[in-house]
Amino acid sequence: TNTQYSATHSLATFPNKASRVMKELKKEFKDFDREEDLSLLHVYFKDLAMIKYNKDVIYSIEDLIAAFGGLIGLCTGFSLLSLAEVIYFFTLRWWLQLCQEKR
């Protein structure tokens, strides 16, 4: 996914109303003795509303198998029971006939 934001910027002179935060930081961190050692960044959002996207799986594996089986059954008349009969006819029935002939 690609997230894009439109950015705008504005400038203000320093010191301004936010400089009180800088003063409090200077009190907390005594080793910063220069104004150049501190920076302040405010981030504002242009709109308070946002769009939430949800990704859901439309077809799970089970749904795909069911849809495929239903389509084949509709178009060709083939089903799992037909598949079991074909397997029986070509394997088990043939093997049973061989066993009966050997007796």
N, C-alpha and C. Protein backbone atom coordinates (compact mmCIF):
# COMPACT_ATOMS: atom_id res chain seq x y z
N THR A 1 0.84 -1.18 0.00
CA THR A 1 0.00 0.00 0.00
C THR A 1 0.88 1.24 0.00
N ASN A 2 0.38 2.27 -0.56
CA ASN A 2 1.12 3.52 -0.66
C ASN A 2 0.33 4.60 0.07
N THR A 3 0.91 5.16 1.11
CA THR A 3 0.27 6.21 1.88
C THR A 3 0.91 7.54 1.51
N GLN A 4 0.08 8.50 1.17
CA GLN A 4 0.59 9.80 0.78
C GLN A 4 -0.10 10.88 1.62
N TYR A 5 0.67 11.86 1.99
CA TYR A 5 0.16 12.99 2.76
C TYR A 5 0.48 14.27 2.01
N SER A 6 -0.44 15.20 2.05
CA SER A 6 -0.13 16.52 1.49
C SER A 6 0.40 17.37 2.63
N ALA A 7 1.56 17.94 2.44
CA ALA A 7 2.22 18.69 3.51
C ALA A 7 2.18 20.18 3.23
N THR A 8 1.95 20.94 4.27
CA THR A 8 2.09 22.39 4.21
C THR A 8 2.95 22.80 5.39
N HIS A 9 3.59 23.89 5.27
CA HIS A 9 4.44 24.34 6.37
C HIS A 9 4.24 25.84 6.60
N SER A 10 4.57 26.25 7.79
CA SER A 10 4.51 27.67 8.14
C SER A 10 5.71 27.98 9.01
N LEU A 11 6.08 29.22 9.05
CA LEU A 11 7.24 29.66 9.82
C LEU A 11 6.82 30.72 10.82
N ALA A 12 7.52 30.75 11.93
CA ALA A 12 7.27 31.78 12.94
C ALA A 12 8.62 32.19 13.53
N THR A 13 8.66 33.37 14.03
CA THR A 13 9.91 33.83 14.65
C THR A 13 10.06 33.20 16.02
N PHE A 14 11.28 33.09 16.45
CA PHE A 14 11.56 32.51 17.77
C PHE A 14 12.19 33.59 18.62
N PRO A 15 11.85 33.85 19.77
CA PRO A 15 10.89 33.19 20.65
C PRO A 15 9.46 33.59 20.35
N ASN A 16 8.60 32.67 20.55
CA ASN A 16 7.17 32.89 20.40
C ASN A 16 6.46 32.26 21.59
N LYS A 17 5.17 31.96 21.44
CA LYS A 17 4.41 31.40 22.56
C LYS A 17 4.95 30.03 22.98
N ALA A 18 5.56 29.31 22.06
CA ALA A 18 6.09 27.99 22.38
C ALA A 18 7.41 28.05 23.12
N SER A 19 7.98 29.23 23.25
CA SER A 19 9.30 29.32 23.90
C SER A 19 9.23 28.98 25.39
N ARG A 20 8.06 29.03 25.99
CA ARG A 20 7.96 28.63 27.40
C ARG A 20 8.27 27.15 27.56
N VAL A 21 7.91 26.35 26.57
CA VAL A 21 8.26 24.93 26.61
C VAL A 21 9.77 24.78 26.55
N MET A 22 10.39 25.60 25.72
CA MET A 22 11.85 25.55 25.61
C MET A 22 12.50 25.96 26.94
N LYS A 23 11.94 26.93 27.60
CA LYS A 23 12.49 27.36 28.89
C LYS A 23 12.38 26.25 29.93
N GLU A 24 11.25 25.56 29.92
CA GLU A 24 11.09 24.44 30.84
C GLU A 24 12.08 23.33 30.54
N LEU A 25 12.34 23.10 29.26
CA LEU A 25 13.33 22.08 28.90
C LEU A 25 14.74 22.50 29.33
N LYS A 26 15.01 23.76 29.24
CA LYS A 26 16.33 24.25 29.66
C LYS A 26 16.52 24.06 31.17
N LYS A 27 15.43 24.26 31.92
CA LYS A 27 15.52 24.05 33.37
C LYS A 27 15.75 22.57 33.68
N GLU A 28 15.10 21.71 32.91
CA GLU A 28 15.22 20.28 33.15
C GLU A 28 16.60 19.74 32.74
N PHE A 29 17.11 20.21 31.62
CA PHE A 29 18.42 19.77 31.12
C PHE A 29 19.40 20.92 31.27
N LYS A 30 20.18 20.89 32.32
CA LYS A 30 21.08 22.00 32.65
C LYS A 30 22.26 22.12 31.67
N ASP A 31 22.65 21.02 31.01
CA ASP A 31 23.84 21.08 30.16
C ASP A 31 23.58 21.76 28.81
N PHE A 32 22.32 22.08 28.49
CA PHE A 32 22.05 22.84 27.28
C PHE A 32 22.12 24.32 27.63
N ASP A 33 23.19 24.94 27.23
CA ASP A 33 23.34 26.35 27.56
C ASP A 33 23.17 27.26 26.36
N ARG A 34 22.98 26.69 25.19
CA ARG A 34 22.80 27.53 24.00
C ARG A 34 21.43 27.30 23.40
N GLU A 35 20.90 28.31 22.79
CA GLU A 35 19.60 28.20 22.12
C GLU A 35 19.68 27.26 20.93
N GLU A 36 20.84 27.14 20.30
CA GLU A 36 20.99 26.31 19.10
C GLU A 36 20.92 24.81 19.43
N ASP A 37 21.05 24.46 20.71
CA ASP A 37 21.05 23.06 21.08
C ASP A 37 19.64 22.47 21.15
N LEU A 38 18.62 23.30 21.13
CA LEU A 38 17.25 22.83 21.27
C LEU A 38 16.44 23.16 20.03
N SER A 39 15.52 22.29 19.72
CA SER A 39 14.58 22.50 18.61
C SER A 39 13.19 22.16 19.08
N LEU A 40 12.23 22.78 18.46
CA LEU A 40 10.84 22.52 18.80
C LEU A 40 10.07 22.33 17.51
N LEU A 41 9.29 21.28 17.46
CA LEU A 41 8.52 20.95 16.26
C LEU A 41 7.07 20.71 16.66
N HIS A 42 6.17 21.43 16.02
CA HIS A 42 4.73 21.21 16.23
C HIS A 42 4.17 20.58 14.96
N VAL A 43 3.38 19.54 15.13
CA VAL A 43 2.74 18.87 14.00
C VAL A 43 1.24 19.01 14.19
N TYR A 44 0.59 19.56 13.18
CA TYR A 44 -0.85 19.74 13.19
C TYR A 44 -1.45 19.00 12.00
N PHE A 45 -2.65 18.49 12.17
CA PHE A 45 -3.35 17.86 11.08
C PHE A 45 -4.31 18.86 10.47
N LYS A 46 -4.35 18.86 9.15
CA LYS A 46 -5.19 19.81 8.44
C LYS A 46 -6.67 19.53 8.69
N ASP A 47 -7.07 18.27 8.66
CA ASP A 47 -8.45 17.87 8.89
C ASP A 47 -8.52 16.98 10.11
N LEU A 48 -9.60 17.10 10.86
CA LEU A 48 -9.78 16.24 12.02
C LEU A 48 -10.38 14.89 11.64
N ALA A 49 -10.97 14.82 10.47
CA ALA A 49 -11.58 13.56 10.02
C ALA A 49 -10.55 12.74 9.27
N MET A 50 -10.73 11.42 9.32
CA MET A 50 -9.85 10.55 8.56
C MET A 50 -10.67 9.42 7.97
N ILE A 51 -10.11 8.78 6.98
CA ILE A 51 -10.78 7.67 6.30
C ILE A 51 -10.11 6.39 6.76
N LYS A 52 -10.92 5.46 7.20
CA LYS A 52 -10.39 4.17 7.66
C LYS A 52 -10.72 3.12 6.62
N TYR A 53 -9.70 2.41 6.17
CA TYR A 53 -9.88 1.34 5.19
C TYR A 53 -9.78 0.00 5.89
N ASN A 54 -10.64 -0.91 5.49
CA ASN A 54 -10.64 -2.26 6.04
C ASN A 54 -10.38 -3.24 4.91
N LYS A 55 -9.50 -4.18 5.13
CA LYS A 55 -9.26 -5.23 4.15
C LYS A 55 -9.86 -6.52 4.68
N ASP A 56 -10.76 -7.09 3.91
CA ASP A 56 -11.37 -8.35 4.28
C ASP A 56 -11.15 -9.35 3.15
N VAL A 57 -11.06 -10.60 3.50
CA VAL A 57 -10.94 -11.65 2.51
C VAL A 57 -12.33 -11.94 1.97
N ILE A 58 -12.49 -11.80 0.68
CA ILE A 58 -13.80 -12.04 0.08
C ILE A 58 -14.03 -13.54 -0.06
N TYR A 59 -13.03 -14.24 -0.60
CA TYR A 59 -13.13 -15.68 -0.78
C TYR A 59 -12.06 -16.36 0.05
N SER A 60 -12.48 -17.21 0.95
CA SER A 60 -11.52 -18.05 1.66
C SER A 60 -11.26 -19.29 0.80
N ILE A 61 -10.36 -20.12 1.21
CA ILE A 61 -10.04 -21.33 0.46
C ILE A 61 -11.27 -22.24 0.37
N GLU A 62 -12.03 -22.33 1.46
CA GLU A 62 -13.22 -23.17 1.45
C GLU A 62 -14.27 -22.64 0.47
N ASP A 63 -14.44 -21.33 0.44
CA ASP A 63 -15.40 -20.72 -0.49
C ASP A 63 -14.98 -20.96 -1.94
N LEU A 64 -13.68 -20.87 -2.19
CA LEU A 64 -13.18 -21.08 -3.54
C LEU A 64 -13.39 -22.52 -3.99
N ILE A 65 -13.12 -23.48 -3.11
CA ILE A 65 -13.34 -24.89 -3.45
C ILE A 65 -14.83 -25.16 -3.68
N ALA A 66 -15.68 -24.60 -2.83
CA ALA A 66 -17.12 -24.81 -2.99
C ALA A 66 -17.62 -24.20 -4.30
N ALA A 67 -17.15 -23.00 -4.64
CA ALA A 67 -17.58 -22.36 -5.88
C ALA A 67 -17.10 -23.14 -7.09
N PHE A 68 -15.85 -23.60 -7.04
CA PHE A 68 -15.29 -24.36 -8.15
C PHE A 68 -16.03 -25.69 -8.32
N GLY A 69 -16.29 -26.39 -7.21
CA GLY A 69 -17.01 -27.66 -7.27
C GLY A 69 -18.43 -27.47 -7.76
N GLY A 70 -19.08 -26.41 -7.32
CA GLY A 70 -20.44 -26.14 -7.78
C GLY A 70 -20.49 -25.84 -9.27
N LEU A 71 -19.51 -25.10 -9.75
CA LEU A 71 -19.47 -24.76 -11.18
C LEU A 71 -19.21 -26.00 -12.03
N ILE A 72 -18.30 -26.84 -11.59
CA ILE A 72 -18.02 -28.07 -12.34
C ILE A 72 -19.25 -28.99 -12.31
N GLY A 73 -19.89 -29.08 -11.16
CA GLY A 73 -21.10 -29.90 -11.07
C GLY A 73 -22.21 -29.39 -11.96
N LEU A 74 -22.33 -28.09 -12.04
CA LEU A 74 -23.38 -27.49 -12.87
C LEU A 74 -23.10 -27.69 -14.36
N CYS A 75 -21.85 -27.50 -14.74
CA CYS A 75 -21.50 -27.56 -16.17
C CYS A 75 -21.34 -28.99 -16.68
N THR A 76 -20.79 -29.88 -15.90
CA THR A 76 -20.49 -31.22 -16.41
C THR A 76 -21.27 -32.33 -15.73
N GLY A 77 -21.97 -32.03 -14.68
CA GLY A 77 -22.69 -33.08 -13.96
C GLY A 77 -21.76 -33.93 -13.12
N PHE A 78 -20.58 -33.47 -12.86
CA PHE A 78 -19.57 -34.21 -12.11
C PHE A 78 -19.64 -33.82 -10.64
N SER A 79 -19.49 -34.79 -9.74
CA SER A 79 -19.52 -34.51 -8.31
C SER A 79 -18.48 -35.37 -7.62
N LEU A 80 -18.35 -35.21 -6.31
CA LEU A 80 -17.40 -36.03 -5.55
C LEU A 80 -17.84 -37.49 -5.54
N LEU A 81 -19.14 -37.72 -5.55
CA LEU A 81 -19.63 -39.10 -5.62
C LEU A 81 -19.25 -39.74 -6.95
N SER A 82 -19.33 -38.97 -8.02
CA SER A 82 -18.91 -39.48 -9.32
C SER A 82 -17.43 -39.79 -9.32
N LEU A 83 -16.64 -38.96 -8.68
CA LEU A 83 -15.20 -39.21 -8.58
C LEU A 83 -14.93 -40.49 -7.80
N ALA A 84 -15.66 -40.71 -6.70
CA ALA A 84 -15.49 -41.94 -5.91
C ALA A 84 -15.87 -43.16 -6.75
N GLU A 85 -16.91 -43.06 -7.56
CA GLU A 85 -17.31 -44.18 -8.42
C GLU A 85 -16.26 -44.47 -9.48
N VAL A 86 -15.66 -43.44 -10.04
CA VAL A 86 -14.61 -43.65 -11.05
C VAL A 86 -13.41 -44.33 -10.42
N ILE A 87 -13.01 -43.88 -9.24
CA ILE A 87 -11.88 -44.50 -8.54
C ILE A 87 -12.21 -45.95 -8.22
N TYR A 88 -13.42 -46.22 -7.76
CA TYR A 88 -13.83 -47.59 -7.45
C TYR A 88 -13.79 -48.46 -8.71
N PHE A 89 -14.32 -47.94 -9.81
CA PHE A 89 -14.41 -48.72 -11.04
C PHE A 89 -13.03 -49.09 -11.57
N PHE A 90 -12.07 -48.16 -11.53
CA PHE A 90 -10.77 -48.42 -12.12
C PHE A 90 -9.76 -49.06 -11.16
N THR A 91 -10.02 -49.09 -9.87
CA THR A 91 -9.03 -49.65 -8.95
C THR A 91 -9.60 -50.82 -8.17
N LEU A 92 -10.49 -50.54 -7.28
CA LEU A 92 -10.98 -51.57 -6.35
C LEU A 92 -11.74 -52.67 -7.07
N ARG A 93 -12.59 -52.35 -8.00
CA ARG A 93 -13.37 -53.35 -8.73
C ARG A 93 -12.45 -54.23 -9.56
N TRP A 94 -11.48 -53.64 -10.22
CA TRP A 94 -10.52 -54.39 -11.03
C TRP A 94 -9.73 -55.35 -10.15
N TRP A 95 -9.31 -54.88 -8.98
CA TRP A 95 -8.53 -55.70 -8.06
C TRP A 95 -9.38 -56.86 -7.51
N LEU A 96 -10.65 -56.59 -7.19
CA LEU A 96 -11.53 -57.64 -6.69
C LEU A 96 -11.80 -58.71 -7.75
N GLN A 97 -11.94 -58.31 -9.00
CA GLN A 97 -12.14 -59.28 -10.09
C GLN A 97 -10.91 -60.15 -10.27
N LEU A 98 -9.73 -59.57 -10.12
CA LEU A 98 -8.50 -60.36 -10.22
C LEU A 98 -8.42 -61.38 -9.10
N CYS A 99 -8.80 -60.98 -7.90
CA CYS A 99 -8.77 -61.90 -6.76
C CYS A 99 -9.77 -63.05 -6.95
N GLN A 100 -10.93 -62.79 -7.53
CA GLN A 100 -11.94 -63.83 -7.74
C GLN A 100 -11.50 -64.81 -8.84
N GLU A 101 -10.80 -64.32 -9.83
CA GLU A 101 -10.32 -65.19 -10.91
C GLU A 101 -9.22 -66.13 -10.42
N LYS A 102 -8.43 -65.71 -9.46
CA LYS A 102 -7.34 -66.53 -8.93
C LYS A 102 -7.89 -67.69 -8.09
N ARG A 103 -9.09 -67.60 -7.58
CA ARG A 103 -9.67 -68.67 -6.76
C ARG A 103 -10.11 -69.77 -7.60
